[in-house]
Amino acid sequence: MKKLLFIFSLVFAFHSATAQPAQTGVPAQTNVPEMKYPCVDGSSRATFKIKAPEAHNVQVDICGKKWPMEKDAEGIWSVTTEPLVVGFHYYFLLIDGVPVADPSSETFFGCGKMASGIEIPEAPENAAYYTYDKSIAHGQVRECHYYSTVEQNVRRCFVYTPAGYDTDQSRRYPVLYLQHGMGEDERGWSNQGKMADIMDNQIAAGKCVPMIVVMDYGNCGYIFGTKPGERREDFGASFTPILLTDIIPYIDKTFRTKTDRDSRAMAGLSWGGHQTFETTLANLDKFAYIGAFSGAIFLPKNADIRKVYNGVFADAETFNRQVHTLFLGMGSEENMGSRQLSEKLTAAGINNIYYESPGTHHEWLTWRRCLNEFLPLIFRPAK
């Protein structure tokens, strides 16, 4: 009897080991609760699994690169990628050619649609600036709705208020208007961008001043070309009058803001950087700090920098007196022209700060780093 039990235990152990292989890595922090896959190993390789027994072909599409998956006898498709670049990546499952969100992942609005997302973690010391720190005070991100007189419709924005906003009713705060890029929306900076953790950590460390951050929809949440006949100069252009006519007055009325131009900044990533330049450079009576992160700022190759944007850069002395910080940043592995623009501005006598994120592309890790560099430069007393 003991011998039979021993044999049974060996068979059971073998069956368990073969039917339930050890997980290769830890669940991605972007998974929905209790989902083990996708998981990420110590070499930044990601393993994906999906049960689709009736499917004939399944792939994982990570930012355009497709990884074929293999099906086992139980109809479970799986693949382990090569090492992925650290940071946040949108991805889709391609099931018989149809892109769908992974039911095991949280969804994020990007690429003009709801997409799955996976965070490939950096070393803790590198990620500390956007990591939640339980030892410090934290602000809040509030969902707000308001009526736009320009659009004749209800709109939504998200507003970050720093720790202490509700306890000290006498204090007023400067405001940063922070914009997303093409194919994204007002949720991006909070979800993908880790904005609140970056703000909390910087404020707690004394690196930046406490401020309110407003994240609104830039009217560019689809991919350019989706709307038939739309010109590039019209893409997202409707946002500027909404910001000036509706959003700023709503924020100033609803929150304890400082309303002078020296207490107002605007920055944006990619197309949001384009919108930032279009908005601020035509309204320097309202903004004193400007930031473009991988800004989609398209100037003719041989354009005279002193003549673009209605000649705002023609008088360097006046511009430098009005704009306290002009920040340009991008990833070292992308080519958005930010370095060349910075060099042209410098040659024209325009003060600006250029930052290059090492090893990153047109992606959220670049923009987290840009925000981290930009924040200490705004709302500081002139030296």
Protein backbone atom coordinates (compact mmCIF):
# COMPACT_ATOMS: atom_id res chain seq x y z
CA MET A 1 0.00 0.00 0.00
CA LYS A 2 2.81 2.40 0.89
CA LYS A 3 4.48 1.55 -2.42
CA LEU A 4 1.30 2.38 -4.35
CA LEU A 5 0.90 5.67 -2.49
CA PHE A 6 4.51 6.53 -3.25
CA ILE A 7 4.03 5.79 -6.97
CA PHE A 8 0.78 7.82 -6.99
CA SER A 9 2.52 10.77 -5.37
CA LEU A 10 5.27 10.68 -7.98
CA VAL A 11 2.74 10.56 -10.83
CA PHE A 12 0.75 13.43 -9.29
CA ALA A 13 3.90 15.53 -8.81
CA PHE A 14 4.97 14.88 -12.40
CA HIS A 15 1.53 15.77 -13.74
CA SER A 16 1.44 18.99 -11.71
CA ALA A 17 4.90 20.01 -12.88
CA THR A 18 4.07 19.42 -16.54
CA ALA A 19 0.52 20.81 -16.50
CA GLN A 20 1.41 23.92 -14.47
CA PRO A 21 4.92 25.07 -15.42
CA ALA A 22 6.64 27.56 -13.16
CA GLN A 23 5.88 31.16 -14.04
CA THR A 24 8.74 32.91 -15.77
CA GLY A 25 8.82 36.28 -14.02
CA VAL A 26 6.47 38.36 -11.92
CA PRO A 27 3.06 39.71 -12.97
CA ALA A 28 3.27 43.05 -14.73
CA GLN A 29 2.23 45.95 -12.54
CA THR A 30 -0.24 46.92 -15.29
CA ASN A 31 -2.22 43.66 -14.96
CA VAL A 32 -5.80 43.50 -13.71
CA PRO A 33 -6.19 41.92 -10.23
CA GLU A 34 -5.07 38.30 -9.79
CA MET A 35 -3.80 37.90 -13.35
CA LYS A 36 -0.37 36.21 -13.51
CA TYR A 37 0.21 37.04 -17.17
CA PRO A 38 1.64 39.01 -18.77
CA CYS A 39 4.68 38.67 -16.58
CA VAL A 40 8.15 40.21 -16.78
CA ASP A 41 11.40 38.44 -15.89
CA GLY A 42 14.68 39.82 -14.60
CA SER A 43 15.94 40.35 -18.15
CA SER A 44 12.96 42.54 -19.10
CA ARG A 45 11.44 39.79 -21.24
CA ALA A 46 7.66 39.62 -21.16
CA THR A 47 5.57 36.46 -21.34
CA PHE A 48 2.01 36.71 -22.64
CA LYS A 49 -0.74 34.08 -22.48
CA ILE A 50 -4.29 34.04 -23.81
CA LYS A 51 -6.82 31.20 -24.06
CA ALA A 52 -8.32 31.20 -27.54
CA PRO A 53 -8.89 27.57 -28.57
CA GLU A 54 -10.86 28.48 -31.72
CA ALA A 55 -8.26 30.95 -33.01
CA HIS A 56 -5.96 30.06 -35.90
CA ASN A 57 -3.30 32.73 -35.49
CA VAL A 58 -2.47 34.88 -32.46
CA GLN A 59 0.25 37.50 -32.08
CA VAL A 60 1.27 40.18 -29.61
CA ASP A 61 1.75 43.59 -31.21
CA ILE A 62 3.98 45.78 -29.03
CA CYS A 63 4.33 49.25 -30.50
CA GLY A 64 4.23 47.82 -34.03
CA LYS A 65 6.53 44.83 -33.50
CA LYS A 66 4.65 41.54 -33.74
CA TRP A 67 5.49 38.41 -31.75
CA PRO A 68 3.91 35.12 -32.99
CA MET A 69 2.34 33.04 -30.23
CA GLU A 70 2.14 29.25 -30.05
CA LYS A 71 -0.91 27.22 -28.97
CA ASP A 72 -0.78 24.25 -26.59
CA ALA A 73 -3.14 21.28 -26.36
CA GLU A 74 -5.51 23.24 -24.10
CA GLY A 75 -5.88 26.12 -26.53
CA ILE A 76 -3.63 28.50 -24.60
CA TRP A 77 -1.44 30.72 -26.76
CA SER A 78 1.83 32.02 -25.31
CA VAL A 79 5.06 33.76 -26.22
CA THR A 80 8.08 35.17 -24.43
CA THR A 81 9.60 38.25 -26.06
CA GLU A 82 13.18 39.34 -26.33
CA PRO A 83 14.23 41.89 -23.68
CA LEU A 84 12.05 44.98 -23.99
CA VAL A 85 13.03 48.59 -23.39
CA VAL A 86 12.16 49.75 -19.89
CA GLY A 87 9.11 51.95 -19.46
CA PHE A 88 5.49 51.86 -20.57
CA HIS A 89 4.40 50.20 -23.82
CA TYR A 90 1.02 50.00 -25.52
CA TYR A 91 0.19 46.59 -26.96
CA PHE A 92 -2.58 44.60 -28.62
CA LEU A 93 -3.37 40.96 -29.13
CA LEU A 94 -3.90 40.15 -32.80
CA ILE A 95 -6.39 37.28 -32.91
CA ASP A 96 -6.82 36.10 -36.49
CA GLY A 97 -5.78 39.56 -37.60
CA VAL A 98 -8.14 41.49 -35.33
CA PRO A 99 -6.43 43.77 -32.75
CA VAL A 100 -8.04 43.45 -29.32
CA ALA A 101 -7.17 44.47 -25.78
CA ASP A 102 -5.70 41.80 -23.53
CA PRO A 103 -8.35 40.91 -20.92
CA SER A 104 -5.57 40.35 -18.39
CA SER A 105 -4.24 43.91 -18.69
CA GLU A 106 -5.53 47.28 -17.64
CA THR A 107 -6.52 49.38 -20.63
CA PHE A 108 -5.15 52.81 -21.49
CA PHE A 109 -6.31 55.30 -24.08
CA GLY A 110 -3.54 55.52 -26.66
CA CYS A 111 -3.05 55.03 -30.41
CA GLY A 112 -6.50 56.57 -30.82
CA LYS A 113 -8.23 53.66 -29.06
CA MET A 114 -8.34 51.70 -25.84
CA ALA A 115 -5.16 49.62 -25.70
CA SER A 116 -3.48 47.26 -23.31
CA GLY A 117 -0.36 48.48 -21.58
CA ILE A 118 2.64 46.89 -19.96
CA GLU A 119 5.22 48.53 -17.72
CA ILE A 120 8.74 47.13 -18.03
CA PRO A 121 10.28 48.22 -14.74
CA GLU A 122 13.46 50.23 -14.44
CA ALA A 123 15.92 49.73 -11.62
CA PRO A 124 14.27 51.09 -8.44
CA GLU A 125 16.79 53.89 -8.08
CA ASN A 126 16.06 55.10 -11.63
CA ALA A 127 12.31 54.87 -11.17
CA ALA A 128 12.24 56.52 -7.75
CA TYR A 129 11.10 59.91 -9.05
CA TYR A 130 7.83 58.45 -10.42
CA THR A 131 7.31 55.76 -7.76
CA TYR A 132 4.78 56.13 -4.95
CA ASP A 133 6.54 56.94 -1.68
CA LYS A 134 4.49 56.01 1.39
CA SER A 135 6.63 58.21 3.65
CA ILE A 136 5.59 61.54 2.13
CA ALA A 137 2.37 63.54 1.85
CA HIS A 138 0.34 63.06 -1.31
CA GLY A 139 -1.88 65.28 -3.38
CA GLN A 140 -5.05 64.34 -5.21
CA VAL A 141 -6.13 64.01 -8.83
CA ARG A 142 -9.72 65.18 -9.19
CA GLU A 143 -12.06 64.49 -12.09
CA CYS A 144 -13.93 67.65 -13.03
CA HIS A 145 -16.69 68.40 -15.52
CA TYR A 146 -17.51 71.82 -16.92
CA TYR A 147 -19.51 73.32 -19.74
CA SER A 148 -17.67 74.68 -22.77
CA THR A 149 -19.26 77.74 -24.30
CA VAL A 150 -17.02 77.25 -27.35
CA GLU A 151 -18.05 73.66 -28.02
CA GLN A 152 -21.52 74.00 -26.51
CA ASN A 153 -20.92 70.75 -24.70
CA VAL A 154 -19.77 69.22 -21.42
CA ARG A 155 -16.06 68.50 -21.14
CA ARG A 156 -13.85 66.73 -18.62
CA CYS A 157 -10.49 67.58 -17.13
CA PHE A 158 -8.32 66.10 -14.40
CA VAL A 159 -6.81 68.44 -11.83
CA TYR A 160 -3.93 67.66 -9.50
CA THR A 161 -3.96 69.54 -6.19
CA PRO A 162 -0.90 69.25 -3.95
CA ALA A 163 -0.86 67.87 -0.42
CA GLY A 164 -2.20 70.48 1.98
CA TYR A 165 -4.51 72.08 -0.56
CA ASP A 166 -7.62 71.34 1.53
CA THR A 167 -6.11 72.10 4.93
CA ASP A 168 -4.69 75.56 4.24
CA GLN A 169 -7.58 77.51 2.78
CA SER A 170 -5.59 80.73 2.62
CA ARG A 171 -2.96 79.56 0.15
CA ARG A 172 -3.16 80.10 -3.61
CA TYR A 173 -1.18 78.16 -6.19
CA PRO A 174 0.35 78.64 -9.64
CA VAL A 175 -1.05 76.46 -12.43
CA LEU A 176 0.58 74.19 -15.01
CA TYR A 177 -1.60 73.23 -17.99
CA LEU A 178 -0.20 69.87 -19.10
CA GLN A 179 -1.24 68.35 -22.42
CA HIS A 180 -1.19 64.83 -23.88
CA GLY A 181 -0.26 63.85 -27.43
CA MET A 182 -1.96 62.63 -30.57
CA GLY A 183 -4.19 59.60 -30.04
CA GLU A 184 -4.28 60.07 -26.25
CA ASP A 185 -6.52 62.01 -23.89
CA GLU A 186 -6.75 63.78 -20.54
CA ARG A 187 -6.15 60.52 -18.64
CA GLY A 188 -2.69 59.98 -20.09
CA TRP A 189 -0.54 62.06 -17.76
CA SER A 190 -2.12 60.55 -14.65
CA ASN A 191 -2.15 56.95 -15.84
CA GLN A 192 0.75 56.44 -18.21
CA GLY A 193 2.74 59.49 -17.18
CA LYS A 194 2.79 58.95 -13.38
CA MET A 195 2.31 62.72 -13.03
CA ALA A 196 0.99 62.68 -9.45
CA ASP A 197 3.90 60.63 -8.11
CA ILE A 198 6.39 62.88 -9.89
CA MET A 199 4.69 65.94 -8.41
CA ASP A 200 4.43 64.52 -4.89
CA ASN A 201 8.06 63.41 -4.83
CA GLN A 202 9.40 66.70 -6.15
CA ILE A 203 7.30 68.83 -3.80
CA ALA A 204 8.27 66.71 -0.79
CA ALA A 205 11.95 67.02 -1.70
CA GLY A 206 11.69 70.78 -2.24
CA LYS A 207 12.68 70.44 -5.90
CA CYS A 208 9.60 72.23 -7.24
CA VAL A 209 7.03 74.57 -5.75
CA PRO A 210 3.55 73.24 -4.90
CA MET A 211 1.28 73.84 -7.88
CA ILE A 212 -2.00 72.85 -9.47
CA VAL A 213 -1.75 70.77 -12.64
CA VAL A 214 -4.61 70.73 -15.15
CA MET A 215 -4.90 67.96 -17.76
CA ASP A 216 -7.61 68.48 -20.35
CA TYR A 217 -8.53 66.87 -23.65
CA GLY A 218 -6.59 68.48 -26.47
CA ASN A 219 -9.12 67.62 -29.20
CA CYS A 220 -6.47 65.40 -30.82
CA GLY A 221 -7.40 62.01 -29.39
CA TYR A 222 -7.54 60.37 -32.81
CA ILE A 223 -4.74 59.78 -35.29
CA PHE A 224 -4.28 62.53 -37.86
CA GLY A 225 -5.82 61.39 -41.13
CA THR A 226 -8.80 59.73 -39.47
CA LYS A 227 -11.04 62.70 -40.21
CA PRO A 228 -11.40 63.03 -44.01
CA GLY A 229 -10.08 66.25 -45.48
CA GLU A 230 -8.62 67.62 -42.25
CA ARG A 231 -5.51 69.73 -42.73
CA ARG A 232 -2.56 69.32 -40.39
CA GLU A 233 -2.82 72.93 -39.26
CA ASP A 234 -6.42 72.29 -38.20
CA PHE A 235 -5.67 69.12 -36.22
CA GLY A 236 -6.29 69.93 -32.55
CA ALA A 237 -6.41 73.67 -33.30
CA SER A 238 -9.84 74.00 -31.71
CA PHE A 239 -8.27 73.41 -28.29
CA THR A 240 -6.65 76.85 -27.95
CA PRO A 241 -9.90 78.88 -27.86
CA ILE A 242 -11.41 76.34 -25.46
CA LEU A 243 -8.41 76.66 -23.14
CA LEU A 244 -8.50 80.46 -23.16
CA THR A 245 -12.28 80.94 -23.09
CA ASP A 246 -13.47 78.04 -20.96
CA ILE A 247 -10.78 76.05 -19.16
CA ILE A 248 -8.65 78.77 -17.58
CA PRO A 249 -11.69 80.74 -16.31
CA TYR A 250 -13.21 77.52 -14.94
CA ILE A 251 -10.00 76.57 -13.13
CA ASP A 252 -9.51 80.06 -11.71
CA LYS A 253 -13.11 80.12 -10.49
CA THR A 254 -13.11 76.60 -9.01
CA PHE A 255 -9.65 76.38 -7.45
CA ARG A 256 -7.48 78.74 -5.41
CA THR A 257 -5.17 79.80 -8.19
CA LYS A 258 -2.78 82.65 -8.74
CA THR A 259 -4.11 84.30 -11.85
CA ASP A 260 -1.22 86.46 -13.06
CA ARG A 261 0.81 85.38 -16.09
CA ASP A 262 3.90 84.73 -13.95
CA SER A 263 1.90 82.01 -12.20
CA ARG A 264 0.78 80.19 -15.32
CA ALA A 265 2.69 77.59 -17.35
CA MET A 266 1.84 75.31 -20.25
CA ALA A 267 3.62 72.20 -21.47
CA GLY A 268 2.77 69.23 -23.63
CA LEU A 269 4.15 66.08 -25.20
CA SER A 270 4.33 65.46 -28.95
CA TRP A 271 1.22 67.11 -30.47
CA GLY A 272 0.58 68.64 -27.07
CA GLY A 273 3.95 70.36 -27.48
CA HIS A 274 2.77 71.69 -30.82
CA GLN A 275 -0.41 73.00 -29.16
CA THR A 276 1.65 74.53 -26.38
CA PHE A 277 3.70 76.58 -28.83
CA GLU A 278 0.64 77.59 -30.86
CA THR A 279 -1.19 78.70 -27.70
CA THR A 280 1.48 80.32 -25.56
CA LEU A 281 3.52 82.13 -28.20
CA ALA A 282 0.37 83.92 -29.37
CA ASN A 283 -0.69 84.73 -25.80
CA LEU A 284 2.39 85.73 -23.82
CA ASP A 285 0.20 88.02 -21.76
CA LYS A 286 -1.16 84.83 -20.16
CA PHE A 287 1.84 82.45 -19.95
CA ALA A 288 5.37 82.90 -18.64
CA TYR A 289 6.63 79.28 -18.75
CA ILE A 290 6.63 77.02 -21.81
CA GLY A 291 7.60 73.37 -22.25
CA ALA A 292 7.58 71.03 -25.26
CA PHE A 293 8.43 67.36 -24.70
CA SER A 294 9.18 65.71 -28.06
CA GLY A 295 7.18 68.61 -29.42
CA ALA A 296 5.67 68.18 -32.89
CA ILE A 297 6.90 71.61 -33.93
CA PHE A 298 7.16 71.63 -37.70
CA LEU A 299 9.09 74.54 -39.14
CA PRO A 300 10.30 74.82 -42.73
CA LYS A 301 13.87 73.56 -43.02
CA ASN A 302 15.38 76.95 -43.84
CA ALA A 303 12.90 79.06 -41.89
CA ASP A 304 14.15 82.27 -40.31
CA ILE A 305 13.52 81.68 -36.59
CA ARG A 306 12.91 85.41 -36.14
CA LYS A 307 9.90 85.30 -38.49
CA VAL A 308 8.04 82.18 -37.32
CA TYR A 309 5.09 82.41 -34.92
CA ASN A 310 4.31 85.94 -36.10
CA GLY A 311 7.81 87.14 -35.24
CA VAL A 312 7.65 86.40 -31.51
CA PHE A 313 11.39 85.55 -31.48
CA ALA A 314 12.46 88.66 -33.43
CA ASP A 315 13.14 90.70 -30.29
CA ALA A 316 15.19 88.38 -28.08
CA GLU A 317 15.46 90.86 -25.22
CA THR A 318 11.70 91.31 -24.97
CA PHE A 319 11.01 87.59 -25.30
CA ASN A 320 13.56 86.67 -22.63
CA ARG A 321 12.03 89.19 -20.29
CA GLN A 322 8.54 87.78 -20.79
CA VAL A 323 9.25 84.04 -20.88
CA HIS A 324 11.07 82.89 -17.77
CA THR A 325 11.53 79.28 -18.94
CA LEU A 326 11.44 77.87 -22.46
CA PHE A 327 12.11 74.13 -22.23
CA LEU A 328 12.68 71.69 -25.08
CA GLY A 329 13.21 67.99 -24.47
CA MET A 330 13.14 64.68 -26.32
CA GLY A 331 14.55 61.15 -26.23
CA SER A 332 18.01 60.48 -27.62
CA GLU A 333 16.61 57.78 -29.92
CA GLU A 334 13.93 59.89 -31.59
CA ASN A 335 14.18 62.66 -34.13
CA MET A 336 11.64 65.33 -33.31
CA GLY A 337 13.95 68.23 -34.13
CA SER A 338 14.06 69.60 -30.58
CA ARG A 339 17.86 69.86 -30.53
CA GLN A 340 17.97 71.74 -33.85
CA LEU A 341 15.21 74.09 -32.71
CA SER A 342 17.08 74.78 -29.48
CA GLU A 343 20.24 75.58 -31.42
CA LYS A 344 18.39 77.97 -33.72
CA LEU A 345 16.79 79.73 -30.78
CA THR A 346 20.11 80.04 -29.01
CA ALA A 347 21.70 81.49 -32.13
CA ALA A 348 18.91 84.09 -32.22
CA GLY A 349 19.60 85.04 -28.60
CA ILE A 350 16.50 83.29 -27.19
CA ASN A 351 17.11 81.75 -23.79
CA ASN A 352 16.06 78.11 -23.71
CA ILE A 353 16.88 74.86 -21.97
CA TYR A 354 17.39 71.64 -23.92
CA TYR A 355 17.15 68.21 -22.30
CA GLU A 356 17.79 64.84 -23.90
CA SER A 357 16.53 61.67 -22.24
CA PRO A 358 19.23 59.00 -22.67
CA GLY A 359 18.25 55.83 -24.50
CA THR A 360 14.54 56.54 -24.95
CA HIS A 361 12.28 56.95 -27.97
CA HIS A 362 8.93 58.69 -28.55
CA GLU A 363 7.44 57.17 -25.41
CA TRP A 364 6.13 57.85 -21.93
CA LEU A 365 9.48 57.29 -20.20
CA THR A 366 10.89 60.18 -22.23
CA TRP A 367 7.97 62.38 -21.19
CA ARG A 368 8.14 61.39 -17.51
CA ARG A 369 11.80 62.41 -17.54
CA CYS A 370 11.04 65.66 -19.36
CA LEU A 371 8.38 66.58 -16.81
CA ASN A 372 10.79 65.75 -14.01
CA GLU A 373 13.36 68.12 -15.52
CA PHE A 374 10.84 70.85 -16.32
CA LEU A 375 9.12 71.17 -12.93
CA PRO A 376 12.07 72.63 -10.96
CA LEU A 377 12.41 75.36 -13.60
CA ILE A 378 8.97 76.92 -13.26
CA PHE A 379 7.42 79.34 -10.77
CA ARG A 380 10.78 80.11 -9.20
CA PRO A 381 11.77 83.68 -8.31
CA ALA A 382 14.10 85.24 -10.89
CA LYS A 383 17.74 84.99 -9.88
